[in-house]
Amino acid sequence: FITGKGQGELIAVALTDKMADGLSMVYSYFNPDLEDRSLGTFMILDHIARAKAMGLPHVYLGYWVNGSRKMNYKMRFMPQEHLGPKGWERYDHEAVSR
Protein backbone atom coordinates (compact mmCIF):
# COMPACT_ATOMS: atom_id res chain seq x y z
CA PHE A 1 0.00 0.00 0.00
CA ILE A 2 1.13 3.52 -0.75
CA THR A 3 -0.62 6.13 1.33
CA GLY A 4 -0.96 9.89 1.40
CA LYS A 5 -1.49 11.84 4.60
CA GLY A 6 -2.73 15.34 5.22
CA GLN A 7 -2.24 16.90 8.64
CA GLY A 8 -1.76 13.45 10.17
CA GLU A 9 -4.89 11.83 8.73
CA LEU A 10 -5.05 9.24 5.96
CA ILE A 11 -6.47 10.86 2.82
CA ALA A 12 -5.45 8.55 -0.06
CA VAL A 13 -4.44 4.91 -0.58
CA ALA A 14 -3.18 3.03 -3.63
CA LEU A 15 -2.91 -0.75 -3.54
CA THR A 16 0.11 -1.24 -5.79
CA ASP A 17 1.87 -4.28 -7.23
CA LYS A 18 5.55 -4.03 -8.10
CA MET A 19 6.06 -5.89 -11.35
CA ALA A 20 9.20 -6.61 -13.36
CA ASP A 21 8.50 -3.72 -15.75
CA GLY A 22 6.55 -1.23 -13.66
CA LEU A 23 4.17 -0.35 -10.86
CA SER A 24 0.56 -1.48 -11.23
CA MET A 25 -1.99 0.68 -9.44
CA VAL A 26 -4.49 -2.09 -8.68
CA TYR A 27 -6.99 -0.02 -6.68
CA SER A 28 -6.98 3.54 -5.34
CA TYR A 29 -9.32 5.43 -3.09
CA PHE A 30 -9.40 8.91 -1.61
CA ASN A 31 -11.23 11.04 0.92
CA PRO A 32 -14.27 12.25 -1.10
CA ASP A 33 -14.40 15.49 0.88
CA LEU A 34 -11.04 16.48 -0.64
CA GLU A 35 -11.97 16.17 -4.33
CA ASP A 36 -10.61 19.66 -5.03
CA ARG A 37 -7.08 18.47 -4.10
CA SER A 38 -6.88 16.10 -7.12
CA LEU A 39 -5.58 13.23 -5.00
CA GLY A 40 -5.91 10.73 -7.87
CA THR A 41 -3.62 12.85 -10.02
CA PHE A 42 -1.23 13.30 -7.09
CA MET A 43 -1.05 9.52 -6.54
CA ILE A 44 -0.31 8.90 -10.23
CA LEU A 45 2.46 11.51 -10.23
CA ASP A 46 3.85 9.94 -7.05
CA HIS A 47 3.85 6.50 -8.70
CA ILE A 48 5.60 7.88 -11.79
CA ALA A 49 8.34 9.31 -9.55
CA ARG A 50 8.63 6.04 -7.60
CA ALA A 51 8.83 3.95 -10.80
CA LYS A 52 11.51 6.25 -12.21
CA ALA A 53 13.53 6.03 -8.97
CA MET A 54 13.32 2.21 -9.18
CA GLY A 55 14.33 2.17 -12.85
CA LEU A 56 10.93 0.83 -13.91
CA PRO A 57 9.67 2.00 -17.33
CA HIS A 58 5.90 1.75 -16.79
CA VAL A 59 3.09 2.74 -14.45
CA TYR A 60 -0.14 0.83 -14.99
CA LEU A 61 -3.06 3.06 -14.00
CA GLY A 62 -5.45 0.21 -13.32
CA TYR A 63 -9.09 -0.14 -14.20
CA TRP A 64 -10.74 2.59 -16.27
CA VAL A 65 -14.33 2.97 -17.48
CA ASN A 66 -14.87 5.23 -20.50
CA GLY A 67 -17.27 8.02 -19.53
CA SER A 68 -16.87 7.55 -15.77
CA ARG A 69 -16.48 11.01 -14.23
CA LYS A 70 -14.62 9.52 -11.28
CA MET A 71 -12.00 7.94 -13.56
CA ASN A 72 -11.55 10.72 -16.14
CA TYR A 73 -8.43 12.08 -14.41
CA LYS A 74 -6.50 9.03 -15.66
CA MET A 75 -6.95 10.20 -19.25
CA ARG A 76 -4.70 13.23 -18.67
CA PHE A 77 -1.68 10.93 -18.66
CA MET A 78 -0.38 10.17 -22.15
CA PRO A 79 0.82 8.24 -23.99
CA GLN A 80 -1.31 5.29 -22.93
CA GLU A 81 -1.81 1.73 -24.00
CA HIS A 82 -4.97 -0.21 -23.20
CA LEU A 83 -5.24 -3.98 -22.99
CA GLY A 84 -7.79 -5.30 -25.46
CA PRO A 85 -8.63 -8.54 -27.27
CA LYS A 86 -5.54 -8.13 -29.50
CA GLY A 87 -3.19 -7.36 -26.58
CA TRP A 88 -1.71 -3.98 -25.64
CA GLU A 89 -2.64 -1.24 -28.11
CA ARG A 90 -1.76 2.46 -28.22
CA TYR A 91 -4.80 4.43 -27.05
CA ASP A 92 -5.84 7.39 -29.21
CA HIS A 93 -8.03 9.61 -27.03
CA GLU A 94 -8.87 11.89 -29.97
CA ALA A 95 -10.21 8.99 -32.05
CA VAL A 96 -12.40 7.73 -29.18
CA SER A 97 -13.75 11.24 -28.44
CA ARG A 98 -15.03 11.73 -32.01
PDB file of N, CA and C in Angstrom:
ATOM      1  N   PHE A   1       0.841  -1.187   0.000  1.00  0.00           N
ATOM      2  CA  PHE A   1       0.000   0.000   0.000  1.00  0.00           C
ATOM      3  C   PHE A   1       0.878   1.239   0.000  1.00  0.00           C
ATOM      4  N   ILE A   2       0.496   2.211  -0.777  1.00  0.00           N
ATOM      5  CA  ILE A   2       1.132   3.521  -0.753  1.00  0.00           C
ATOM      6  C   ILE A   2       0.059   4.488  -0.280  1.00  0.00           C
ATOM      7  N   THR A   3       0.377   5.258   0.728  1.00  0.00           N
ATOM      8  CA  THR A   3      -0.625   6.131   1.327  1.00  0.00           C
ATOM      9  C   THR A   3      -0.202   7.590   1.250  1.00  0.00           C
ATOM     10  N   GLY A   4      -1.191   8.465   1.326  1.00  0.00           N
ATOM     11  CA  GLY A   4      -0.958   9.894   1.402  1.00  0.00           C
ATOM     12  C   GLY A   4      -1.614  10.418   2.661  1.00  0.00           C
ATOM     13  N   LYS A   5      -0.928  11.293   3.358  1.00  0.00           N
ATOM     14  CA  LYS A   5      -1.485  11.836   4.597  1.00  0.00           C
ATOM     15  C   LYS A   5      -1.548  13.352   4.517  1.00  0.00           C
ATOM     16  N   GLY A   6      -2.572  13.900   5.136  1.00  0.00           N
ATOM     17  CA  GLY A   6      -2.734  15.340   5.221  1.00  0.00           C
ATOM     18  C   GLY A   6      -2.990  15.710   6.664  1.00  0.00           C
ATOM     19  N   GLN A   7      -2.130  16.485   7.239  1.00  0.00           N
ATOM     20  CA  GLN A   7      -2.239  16.903   8.640  1.00  0.00           C
ATOM     21  C   GLN A   7      -2.457  15.704   9.560  1.00  0.00           C
ATOM     22  N   GLY A   8      -1.717  14.613   9.291  1.00  0.00           N
ATOM     23  CA  GLY A   8      -1.757  13.448  10.166  1.00  0.00           C
ATOM     24  C   GLY A   8      -2.860  12.451   9.890  1.00  0.00           C
ATOM     25  N   GLU A   9      -3.808  12.775   9.015  1.00  0.00           N
ATOM     26  CA  GLU A   9      -4.891  11.834   8.734  1.00  0.00           C
ATOM     27  C   GLU A   9      -4.705  11.209   7.356  1.00  0.00           C
ATOM     28  N   LEU A  10      -5.124   9.960   7.226  1.00  0.00           N
ATOM     29  CA  LEU A  10      -5.050   9.245   5.958  1.00  0.00           C
ATOM     30  C   LEU A  10      -6.054   9.844   4.977  1.00  0.00           C
ATOM     31  N   ILE A  11      -5.571  10.249   3.795  1.00  0.00           N
ATOM     32  CA  ILE A  11      -6.471  10.863   2.820  1.00  0.00           C
ATOM     33  C   ILE A  11      -6.486  10.128   1.477  1.00  0.00           C
ATOM     34  N   ALA A  12      -5.501   9.268   1.221  1.00  0.00           N
ATOM     35  CA  ALA A  12      -5.448   8.548  -0.056  1.00  0.00           C
ATOM     36  C   ALA A  12      -4.669   7.252   0.111  1.00  0.00           C
ATOM     37  N   VAL A  13      -5.109   6.217  -0.621  1.00  0.00           N
ATOM     38  CA  VAL A  13      -4.443   4.914  -0.579  1.00  0.00           C
ATOM     39  C   VAL A  13      -4.402   4.356  -1.998  1.00  0.00           C
ATOM     40  N   ALA A  14      -3.281   3.755  -2.357  1.00  0.00           N
ATOM     41  CA  ALA A  14      -3.179   3.033  -3.628  1.00  0.00           C
ATOM     42  C   ALA A  14      -2.610   1.650  -3.339  1.00  0.00           C
ATOM     43  N   LEU A  15      -3.389   0.625  -3.620  1.00  0.00           N
ATOM     44  CA  LEU A  15      -2.909  -0.750  -3.541  1.00  0.00           C
ATOM     45  C   LEU A  15      -2.101  -0.972  -4.813  1.00  0.00           C
ATOM     46  N   THR A  16      -0.810  -1.222  -4.663  1.00  0.00           N
ATOM     47  CA  THR A  16       0.114  -1.237  -5.791  1.00  0.00           C
ATOM     48  C   THR A  16       0.909  -2.530  -5.834  1.00  0.00           C
ATOM     49  N   ASP A  17       0.999  -3.122  -7.013  1.00  0.00           N
ATOM     50  CA  ASP A  17       1.865  -4.281  -7.234  1.00  0.00           C
ATOM     51  C   ASP A  17       3.132  -3.812  -7.920  1.00  0.00           C
ATOM     52  N   LYS A  18       4.289  -4.274  -7.411  1.00  0.00           N
ATOM     53  CA  LYS A  18       5.552  -4.025  -8.103  1.00  0.00           C
ATOM     54  C   LYS A  18       5.768  -5.190  -9.052  1.00  0.00           C
ATOM     55  N   MET A  19       5.863  -4.875 -10.329  1.00  0.00           N
ATOM     56  CA  MET A  19       6.059  -5.887 -11.354  1.00  0.00           C
ATOM     57  C   MET A  19       7.461  -5.730 -11.939  1.00  0.00           C
ATOM     58  N   ALA A  20       7.863  -6.656 -12.780  1.00  0.00           N
ATOM     59  CA  ALA A  20       9.201  -6.608 -13.365  1.00  0.00           C
ATOM     60  C   ALA A  20       9.417  -5.357 -14.211  1.00  0.00           C
ATOM     61  N   ASP A  21       8.344  -4.856 -14.848  1.00  0.00           N
ATOM     62  CA  ASP A  21       8.495  -3.719 -15.754  1.00  0.00           C
ATOM     63  C   ASP A  21       7.768  -2.455 -15.305  1.00  0.00           C
ATOM     64  N   GLY A  22       7.234  -2.445 -14.092  1.00  0.00           N
ATOM     65  CA  GLY A  22       6.552  -1.233 -13.659  1.00  0.00           C
ATOM     66  C   GLY A  22       5.757  -1.405 -12.386  1.00  0.00           C
ATOM     67  N   LEU A  23       5.067  -0.342 -12.011  1.00  0.00           N
ATOM     68  CA  LEU A  23       4.167  -0.353 -10.864  1.00  0.00           C
ATOM     69  C   LEU A  23       2.738  -0.422 -11.384  1.00  0.00           C
ATOM     70  N   SER A  24       1.956  -1.314 -10.823  1.00  0.00           N
ATOM     71  CA  SER A  24       0.562  -1.476 -11.226  1.00  0.00           C
ATOM     72  C   SER A  24      -0.340  -0.965 -10.114  1.00  0.00           C
ATOM     73  N   MET A  25      -1.068   0.099 -10.402  1.00  0.00           N
ATOM     74  CA  MET A  25      -1.995   0.681  -9.436  1.00  0.00           C
ATOM     75  C   MET A  25      -3.292  -0.124  -9.486  1.00  0.00           C
ATOM     76  N   VAL A  26      -3.383  -1.141  -8.650  1.00  0.00           N
ATOM     77  CA  VAL A  26      -4.493  -2.087  -8.678  1.00  0.00           C
ATOM     78  C   VAL A  26      -5.800  -1.417  -8.271  1.00  0.00           C
ATOM     79  N   TYR A  27      -5.768  -0.670  -7.180  1.00  0.00           N
ATOM     80  CA  TYR A  27      -6.987  -0.022  -6.682  1.00  0.00           C
ATOM     81  C   TYR A  27      -6.583   1.190  -5.859  1.00  0.00           C
ATOM     82  N   SER A  28      -7.258   2.301  -6.079  1.00  0.00           N
ATOM     83  CA  SER A  28      -6.980   3.535  -5.342  1.00  0.00           C
ATOM     84  C   SER A  28      -8.274   4.089  -4.773  1.00  0.00           C
ATOM     85  N   TYR A  29      -8.161   4.723  -3.630  1.00  0.00           N
ATOM     86  CA  TYR A  29      -9.321   5.428  -3.085  1.00  0.00           C
ATOM     87  C   TYR A  29      -8.847   6.626  -2.286  1.00  0.00           C
ATOM     88  N   PHE A  30      -9.749   7.609  -2.172  1.00  0.00           N
ATOM     89  CA  PHE A  30      -9.399   8.908  -1.607  1.00  0.00           C
ATOM     90  C   PHE A  30     -10.529   9.415  -0.742  1.00  0.00           C
ATOM     91  N   ASN A  31     -10.222  10.371   0.115  1.00  0.00           N
ATOM     92  CA  ASN A  31     -11.235  11.040   0.919  1.00  0.00           C
ATOM     93  C   ASN A  31     -12.119  11.867  -0.022  1.00  0.00           C
ATOM     94  N   PRO A  32     -13.405  11.538  -0.147  1.00  0.00           N
ATOM     95  CA  PRO A  32     -14.270  12.250  -1.098  1.00  0.00           C
ATOM     96  C   PRO A  32     -14.487  13.721  -0.748  1.00  0.00           C
ATOM     97  N   ASP A  33     -14.242  14.093   0.490  1.00  0.00           N
ATOM     98  CA  ASP A  33     -14.398  15.495   0.885  1.00  0.00           C
ATOM     99  C   ASP A  33     -13.252  16.366   0.365  1.00  0.00           C
ATOM    100  N   LEU A  34     -12.209  15.732  -0.178  1.00  0.00           N
ATOM    101  CA  LEU A  34     -11.036  16.475  -0.644  1.00  0.00           C
ATOM    102  C   LEU A  34     -10.882  16.402  -2.163  1.00  0.00           C
ATOM    103  N   GLU A  35     -11.995  16.300  -2.865  1.00  0.00           N
ATOM    104  CA  GLU A  35     -11.973  16.172  -4.326  1.00  0.00           C
ATOM    105  C   GLU A  35     -11.191  17.303  -4.989  1.00  0.00           C
ATOM    106  N   ASP A  36     -11.277  18.499  -4.440  1.00  0.00           N
ATOM    107  CA  ASP A  36     -10.607  19.658  -5.031  1.00  0.00           C
ATOM    108  C   ASP A  36      -9.086  19.572  -4.969  1.00  0.00           C
ATOM    109  N   ARG A  37      -8.542  18.617  -4.216  1.00  0.00           N
ATOM    110  CA  ARG A  37      -7.081  18.471  -4.102  1.00  0.00           C
ATOM    111  C   ARG A  37      -6.497  17.551  -5.168  1.00  0.00           C
ATOM    112  N   SER A  38      -7.334  16.968  -6.015  1.00  0.00           N
ATOM    113  CA  SER A  38      -6.876  16.101  -7.117  1.00  0.00           C
ATOM    114  C   SER A  38      -5.953  14.992  -6.626  1.00  0.00           C
ATOM    115  N   LEU A  39      -6.420  14.270  -5.611  1.00  0.00           N
ATOM    116  CA  LEU A  39      -5.585  13.233  -5.003  1.00  0.00           C
ATOM    117  C   LEU A  39      -5.283  12.084  -5.964  1.00  0.00           C
ATOM    118  N   GLY A  40      -6.186  11.764  -6.880  1.00  0.00           N
ATOM    119  CA  GLY A  40      -5.906  10.726  -7.871  1.00  0.00           C
ATOM    120  C   GLY A  40      -4.730  11.113  -8.750  1.00  0.00           C
ATOM    121  N   THR A  41      -4.734  12.349  -9.212  1.00  0.00           N
ATOM    122  CA  THR A  41      -3.622  12.854 -10.016  1.00  0.00           C
ATOM    123  C   THR A  41      -2.338  12.855  -9.204  1.00  0.00           C
ATOM    124  N   PHE A  42      -2.407  13.296  -7.958  1.00  0.00           N
ATOM    125  CA  PHE A  42      -1.227  13.295  -7.088  1.00  0.00           C
ATOM    126  C   PHE A  42      -0.654  11.891  -6.949  1.00  0.00           C
ATOM    127  N   MET A  43      -1.528  10.895  -6.727  1.00  0.00           N
ATOM    128  CA  MET A  43      -1.047   9.524  -6.537  1.00  0.00           C
ATOM    129  C   MET A  43      -0.395   8.984  -7.814  1.00  0.00           C
ATOM    130  N   ILE A  44      -0.940   9.330  -8.983  1.00  0.00           N
ATOM    131  CA  ILE A  44      -0.310   8.897 -10.233  1.00  0.00           C
ATOM    132  C   ILE A  44       1.064   9.538 -10.381  1.00  0.00           C
ATOM    133  N   LEU A  45       1.164  10.843 -10.143  1.00  0.00           N
ATOM    134  CA  LEU A  45       2.462  11.515 -10.231  1.00  0.00           C
ATOM    135  C   LEU A  45       3.459  10.916  -9.242  1.00  0.00           C
ATOM    136  N   ASP A  46       2.993  10.579  -8.050  1.00  0.00           N
ATOM    137  CA  ASP A  46       3.850   9.940  -7.051  1.00  0.00           C
ATOM    138  C   ASP A  46       4.344   8.582  -7.556  1.00  0.00           C
ATOM    139  N   HIS A  47       3.454   7.808  -8.173  1.00  0.00           N
ATOM    140  CA  HIS A  47       3.847   6.498  -8.704  1.00  0.00           C
ATOM    141  C   HIS A  47       4.828   6.637  -9.870  1.00  0.00           C
ATOM    142  N   ILE A  48       4.652   7.642 -10.705  1.00  0.00           N
ATOM    143  CA  ILE A  48       5.603   7.884 -11.795  1.00  0.00           C
ATOM    144  C   ILE A  48       6.986   8.162 -11.213  1.00  0.00           C
ATOM    145  N   ALA A  49       7.051   9.003 -10.191  1.00  0.00           N
ATOM    146  CA  ALA A  49       8.336   9.312  -9.550  1.00  0.00           C
ATOM    147  C   ALA A  49       8.942   8.069  -8.904  1.00  0.00           C
ATOM    148  N   ARG A  50       8.131   7.265  -8.240  1.00  0.00           N
ATOM    149  CA  ARG A  50       8.628   6.041  -7.602  1.00  0.00           C
ATOM    150  C   ARG A  50       9.151   5.051  -8.647  1.00  0.00           C
ATOM    151  N   ALA A  51       8.399   4.877  -9.738  1.00  0.00           N
ATOM    152  CA  ALA A  51       8.829   3.954 -10.795  1.00  0.00           C
ATOM    153  C   ALA A  51      10.155   4.416 -11.396  1.00  0.00           C
ATOM    154  N   LYS A  52      10.267   5.705 -11.648  1.00  0.00           N
ATOM    155  CA  LYS A  52      11.508   6.248 -12.207  1.00  0.00           C
ATOM    156  C   LYS A  52      12.674   6.008 -11.257  1.00  0.00           C
ATOM    157  N   ALA A  53      12.466   6.244  -9.969  1.00  0.00           N
ATOM    158  CA  ALA A  53      13.527   6.033  -8.972  1.00  0.00           C
ATOM    159  C   ALA A  53      13.951   4.563  -8.895  1.00  0.00           C
ATOM    160  N   MET A  54      13.026   3.646  -9.201  1.00  0.00           N
ATOM    161  CA  MET A  54      13.323   2.209  -9.178  1.00  0.00           C
ATOM    162  C   MET A  54      13.823   1.697 -10.526  1.00  0.00           C
ATOM    163  N   GLY A  55      13.896   2.581 -11.517  1.00  0.00           N
ATOM    164  CA  GLY A  55      14.332   2.169 -12.847  1.00  0.00           C
ATOM    165  C   GLY A  55      13.285   1.371 -13.605  1.00  0.00           C
ATOM    166  N   LEU A  56      12.025   1.555 -13.256  1.00  0.00           N
ATOM    167  CA  LEU A  56      10.929   0.832 -13.908  1.00  0.00           C
ATOM    168  C   LEU A  56      10.320   1.708 -15.003  1.00  0.00           C
ATOM    169  N   PRO A  57      10.118   1.168 -16.207  1.00  0.00           N
ATOM    170  CA  PRO A  57       9.669   1.999 -17.326  1.00  0.00           C
ATOM    171  C   PRO A  57       8.169   2.299 -17.392  1.00  0.00           C
ATOM    172  N   HIS A  58       7.346   1.578 -16.622  1.00  0.00           N
ATOM    173  CA  HIS A  58       5.903   1.749 -16.786  1.00  0.00           C
ATOM    174  C   HIS A  58       5.178   1.947 -15.455  1.00  0.00           C
ATOM    175  N   VAL A  59       4.058   2.667 -15.543  1.00  0.00           N
ATOM    176  CA  VAL A  59       3.085   2.743 -14.453  1.00  0.00           C
ATOM    177  C   VAL A  59       1.747   2.347 -15.068  1.00  0.00           C
ATOM    178  N   TYR A  60       1.159   1.303 -14.524  1.00  0.00           N
ATOM    179  CA  TYR A  60      -0.142   0.829 -14.986  1.00  0.00           C
ATOM    180  C   TYR A  60      -1.209   1.486 -14.115  1.00  0.00           C
ATOM    181  N   LEU A  61      -2.097   2.255 -14.743  1.00  0.00           N
ATOM    182  CA  LEU A  61      -3.065   3.062 -13.995  1.00  0.00           C
ATOM    183  C   LEU A  61      -4.259   2.280 -13.480  1.00  0.00           C
ATOM    184  N   GLY A  62      -4.360   1.027 -13.832  1.00  0.00           N
ATOM    185  CA  GLY A  62      -5.453   0.211 -13.321  1.00  0.00           C
ATOM    186  C   GLY A  62      -6.727   0.371 -14.125  1.00  0.00           C
ATOM    187  N   TYR A  63      -7.790  -0.080 -13.545  1.00  0.00           N
ATOM    188  CA  TYR A  63      -9.093  -0.140 -14.201  1.00  0.00           C
ATOM    189  C   TYR A  63      -9.579   1.245 -14.596  1.00  0.00           C
ATOM    190  N   TRP A  64     -10.182   1.336 -15.780  1.00  0.00           N
ATOM    191  CA  TRP A  64     -10.737   2.595 -16.274  1.00  0.00           C
ATOM    192  C   TRP A  64     -12.028   2.297 -17.018  1.00  0.00           C
ATOM    193  N   VAL A  65     -13.043   3.107 -16.793  1.00  0.00           N
ATOM    194  CA  VAL A  65     -14.329   2.971 -17.482  1.00  0.00           C
ATOM    195  C   VAL A  65     -14.557   4.239 -18.300  1.00  0.00           C
ATOM    196  N   ASN A  66     -14.648   4.085 -19.616  1.00  0.00           N
ATOM    197  CA  ASN A  66     -14.874   5.225 -20.496  1.00  0.00           C
ATOM    198  C   ASN A  66     -16.175   5.926 -20.102  1.00  0.00           C
ATOM    199  N   GLY A  67     -16.100   7.239 -19.892  1.00  0.00           N
ATOM    200  CA  GLY A  67     -17.271   8.025 -19.527  1.00  0.00           C
ATOM    201  C   GLY A  67     -17.505   8.152 -18.034  1.00  0.00           C
ATOM    202  N   SER A  68     -16.725   7.449 -17.227  1.00  0.00           N
ATOM    203  CA  SER A  68     -16.871   7.547 -15.774  1.00  0.00           C
ATOM    204  C   SER A  68     -16.215   8.835 -15.279  1.00  0.00           C
ATOM    205  N   ARG A  69     -17.008   9.736 -14.733  1.00  0.00           N
ATOM    206  CA  ARG A  69     -16.483  11.011 -14.235  1.00  0.00           C
ATOM    207  C   ARG A  69     -15.408  10.795 -13.184  1.00  0.00           C
ATOM    208  N   LYS A  70     -15.577   9.776 -12.359  1.00  0.00           N
ATOM    209  CA  LYS A  70     -14.618   9.525 -11.280  1.00  0.00           C
ATOM    210  C   LYS A  70     -13.282   8.994 -11.793  1.00  0.00           C
ATOM    211  N   MET A  71     -13.242   8.509 -13.017  1.00  0.00           N
ATOM    212  CA  MET A  71     -12.003   7.942 -13.558  1.00  0.00           C
ATOM    213  C   MET A  71     -11.390   8.795 -14.665  1.00  0.00           C
ATOM    214  N   ASN A  72     -12.028   9.894 -15.035  1.00  0.00           N
ATOM    215  CA  ASN A  72     -11.545  10.718 -16.145  1.00  0.00           C
ATOM    216  C   ASN A  72     -10.148  11.280 -15.923  1.00  0.00           C
ATOM    217  N   TYR A  73      -9.746  11.502 -14.680  1.00  0.00           N
ATOM    218  CA  TYR A  73      -8.428  12.077 -14.414  1.00  0.00           C
ATOM    219  C   TYR A  73      -7.307  11.213 -14.992  1.00  0.00           C
ATOM    220  N   LYS A  74      -7.533   9.922 -15.124  1.00  0.00           N
ATOM    221  CA  LYS A  74      -6.501   9.027 -15.663  1.00  0.00           C
ATOM    222  C   LYS A  74      -6.186   9.348 -17.122  1.00  0.00           C
ATOM    223  N   MET A  75      -7.133   9.929 -17.831  1.00  0.00           N
ATOM    224  CA  MET A  75      -6.947  10.202 -19.255  1.00  0.00           C
ATOM    225  C   MET A  75      -6.026  11.389 -19.519  1.00  0.00           C
ATOM    226  N   ARG A  76      -5.635  12.114 -18.491  1.00  0.00           N
ATOM    227  CA  ARG A  76      -4.701  13.230 -18.671  1.00  0.00           C
ATOM    228  C   ARG A  76      -3.265  12.749 -18.825  1.00  0.00           C
ATOM    229  N   PHE A  77      -3.032  11.469 -18.609  1.00  0.00           N
ATOM    230  CA  PHE A  77      -1.676  10.932 -18.663  1.00  0.00           C
ATOM    231  C   PHE A  77      -1.481  10.184 -19.970  1.00  0.00           C
ATOM    232  N   MET A  78      -0.636  10.732 -20.827  1.00  0.00           N
ATOM    233  CA  MET A  78      -0.377  10.173 -22.154  1.00  0.00           C
ATOM    234  C   MET A  78       1.128  10.052 -22.355  1.00  0.00           C
ATOM    235  N   PRO A  79       1.603   9.177 -23.213  1.00  0.00           N
ATOM    236  CA  PRO A  79       0.819   8.237 -23.994  1.00  0.00           C
ATOM    237  C   PRO A  79       0.289   7.108 -23.119  1.00  0.00           C
ATOM    238  N   GLN A  80      -0.723   6.436 -23.636  1.00  0.00           N
ATOM    239  CA  GLN A  80      -1.309   5.295 -22.935  1.00  0.00           C
ATOM    240  C   GLN A  80      -1.446   4.123 -23.886  1.00  0.00           C
ATOM    241  N   GLU A  81      -1.437   2.946 -23.288  1.00  0.00           N
ATOM    242  CA  GLU A  81      -1.811   1.729 -23.997  1.00  0.00           C
ATOM    243  C   GLU A  81      -2.908   1.072 -23.182  1.00  0.00           C
ATOM    244  N   HIS A  82      -3.883   0.493 -23.875  1.00  0.00           N
ATOM    245  CA  HIS A  82      -4.974  -0.213 -23.204  1.00  0.00           C
ATOM    246  C   HIS A  82      -4.932  -1.668 -23.634  1.00  0.00           C
ATOM    247  N   LEU A  83      -5.222  -2.559 -22.702  1.00  0.00           N
ATOM    248  CA  LEU A  83      -5.239  -3.985 -22.992  1.00  0.00           C
ATOM    249  C   LEU A  83      -6.590  -4.362 -23.581  1.00  0.00           C
ATOM    250  N   GLY A  84      -6.568  -4.888 -24.779  1.00  0.00           N
ATOM    251  CA  GLY A  84      -7.793  -5.299 -25.461  1.00  0.00           C
ATOM    252  C   GLY A  84      -7.672  -6.727 -25.962  1.00  0.00           C
ATOM    253  N   PRO A  85      -8.628  -7.158 -26.760  1.00  0.00           N
ATOM    254  CA  PRO A  85      -8.628  -8.536 -27.266  1.00  0.00           C
ATOM    255  C   PRO A  85      -7.374  -8.896 -28.068  1.00  0.00           C
ATOM    256  N   LYS A  86      -6.740  -7.895 -28.691  1.00  0.00           N
ATOM    257  CA  LYS A  86      -5.536  -8.132 -29.498  1.00  0.00           C
ATOM    258  C   LYS A  86      -4.255  -7.881 -28.713  1.00  0.00           C
ATOM    259  N   GLY A  87      -4.360  -7.664 -27.407  1.00  0.00           N
ATOM    260  CA  GLY A  87      -3.187  -7.356 -26.583  1.00  0.00           C
ATOM    261  C   GLY A  87      -3.102  -5.861 -26.312  1.00  0.00           C
ATOM    262  N   TRP A  88      -1.914  -5.391 -25.953  1.00  0.00           N
ATOM    263  CA  TRP A  88      -1.714  -3.978 -25.641  1.00  0.00           C
ATOM    264  C   TRP A  88      -1.715  -3.168 -26.925  1.00  0.00           C
ATOM    265  N   GLU A  89      -2.543  -2.114 -26.948  1.00  0.00           N
ATOM    266  CA  GLU A  89      -2.642  -1.244 -28.113  1.00  0.00           C
ATOM    267  C   GLU A  89      -2.539   0.213 -27.668  1.00  0.00           C
ATOM    268  N   ARG A  90      -1.870   1.026 -28.500  1.00  0.00           N
ATOM    269  CA  ARG A  90      -1.764   2.458 -28.223  1.00  0.00           C
ATOM    270  C   ARG A  90      -3.166   3.040 -28.214  1.00  0.00           C
ATOM    271  N   TYR A  91      -3.475   3.833 -27.194  1.00  0.00           N
ATOM    272  CA  TYR A  91      -4.800   4.434 -27.054  1.00  0.00           C
ATOM    273  C   TYR A  91      -4.783   5.826 -27.655  1.00  0.00           C
ATOM    274  N   ASP A  92      -5.706   6.087 -28.559  1.00  0.00           N
ATOM    275  CA  ASP A  92      -5.837   7.388 -29.207  1.00  0.00           C
ATOM    276  C   ASP A  92      -7.090   8.068 -28.667  1.00  0.00           C
ATOM    277  N   HIS A  93      -6.909   8.934 -27.680  1.00  0.00           N
ATOM    278  CA  HIS A  93      -8.032   9.611 -27.031  1.00  0.00           C
ATOM    279  C   HIS A  93      -8.845  10.430 -28.030  1.00  0.00           C
ATOM    280  N   GLU A  94      -8.169  11.071 -28.974  1.00  0.00           N
ATOM    281  CA  GLU A  94      -8.865  11.894 -29.972  1.00  0.00           C
ATOM    282  C   GLU A  94      -9.814  11.042 -30.811  1.00  0.00           C
ATOM    283  N   ALA A  95      -9.379   9.859 -31.219  1.00  0.00           N
ATOM    284  CA  ALA A  95     -10.215   8.991 -32.049  1.00  0.00           C
ATOM    285  C   ALA A  95     -11.442   8.513 -31.280  1.00  0.00           C
ATOM    286  N   VAL A  96     -11.285   8.216 -30.002  1.00  0.00           N
ATOM    287  CA  VAL A  96     -12.396   7.733 -29.184  1.00  0.00           C
ATOM    288  C   VAL A  96     -13.386   8.860 -28.906  1.00  0.00           C
ATOM    289  N   SER A  97     -12.905  10.085 -28.773  1.00  0.00           N
ATOM    290  CA  SER A  97     -13.754  11.236 -28.444  1.00  0.00           C
ATOM    291  C   SER A  97     -14.631  11.677 -29.609  1.00  0.00           C
ATOM    292  N   ARG A  98     -14.272  11.297 -30.822  1.00  0.00           N
ATOM    293  CA  ARG A  98     -15.035  11.734 -32.010  1.00  0.00           C
ATOM    294  C   ARG A  98     -16.365  11.059 -32.104  1.00  0.00           C
TER     295      ARG A  98
END
